[in-house]
Amino acid sequence: MVDRYAVRSLLTAVVMTLAVAASAQTTSPALPRTPDGKPDFSGIWQVMNTAAWDIQDHSAQSGVPAGIGVVVGNEIPYKPEALAKKRRNYDDRATADPETKCYLPGVPRVMYMPYPFQIFQKPGQMTMLFEYVHATRYIYTDGTQHPDGHIDWWMGDSRGRWEGDTLVVDVVDFNEDTWFDRAGNFHSDALHLVERFTALDRDHITYEVTVEDPEVLQKPWTLSRALTLQPDALEEAAPCIDRDAGHYVTLEHHDNTR
């Protein structure tokens, strides 16, 4: 049987390679822009890869499609004790993965779940509505700063700024209860992300994340992937099944609204 996720991942990689090569030789059509001149990311987007299962290179196994990793260099520089915990997470993933409990997946994991999401953009704020568990994420681009002190939020606190046509987002204030994937890659509540959203063309956005976590990592690492425009792809998500409680759960967003 053909693994459709692996095929889609491969096709997306080929398309992105061709798009980058073409952009170096020709002038791309004008990017859609907002009234204030910023690239307009509004639309329905989805990552076409297998990062939700494992952000590193992985072979196919029961319930897991094969895929190319999204970690630059394919290595996550865990501290020795953190690497041991990652391995325990992997062994216990069937019940320990927060996704099995229908928790919000956190950032950056929510960005590469195998479901579409919609971006609404206006001056000063970008809103992302995710099909998965109806999660909502706000990115404030109005110059406001992170709240004082540390606050435990599932999706963190996101503050963005524009560097030319790239949206750079600083994300802090996480709890320690989310993972990066179903393979047990994890973080502490000291997680700090710097995301970069750059439009390649009308239909593709490069998404790059630098991950810092002094409690878990020896040094930062980087994740890089592409988002693909998916017109009319957003649908009402099936309810999540809490595998521990054995019942259906649907979650409205319950994170910071400012």
Foldseek 3Di string as FASTA:
>chain_A
DDDVLAVQQVVQVVVVVVLVVVVVPDPAPDADADPVGARDPFAKKAFRHQVQAPQAQDDDDVPGHGTHHQWVVRDFFWDPVLVVQLQVCQVVLVQQAVVLQLDPQAPPQQRHDGFMWGWDDDPQKIWIFTLRLRAIDIEGANPDDDDPDAAAWRHFHWYWYDDDRKIKIKGARHDFRHANHSNRHGAHNGKIKIWIWHDSHHFKIKIKIWIDGVVTGPGIIMGIGMMGGDHPRRDNHDFRANNVVGDTDRHHYDGDPD
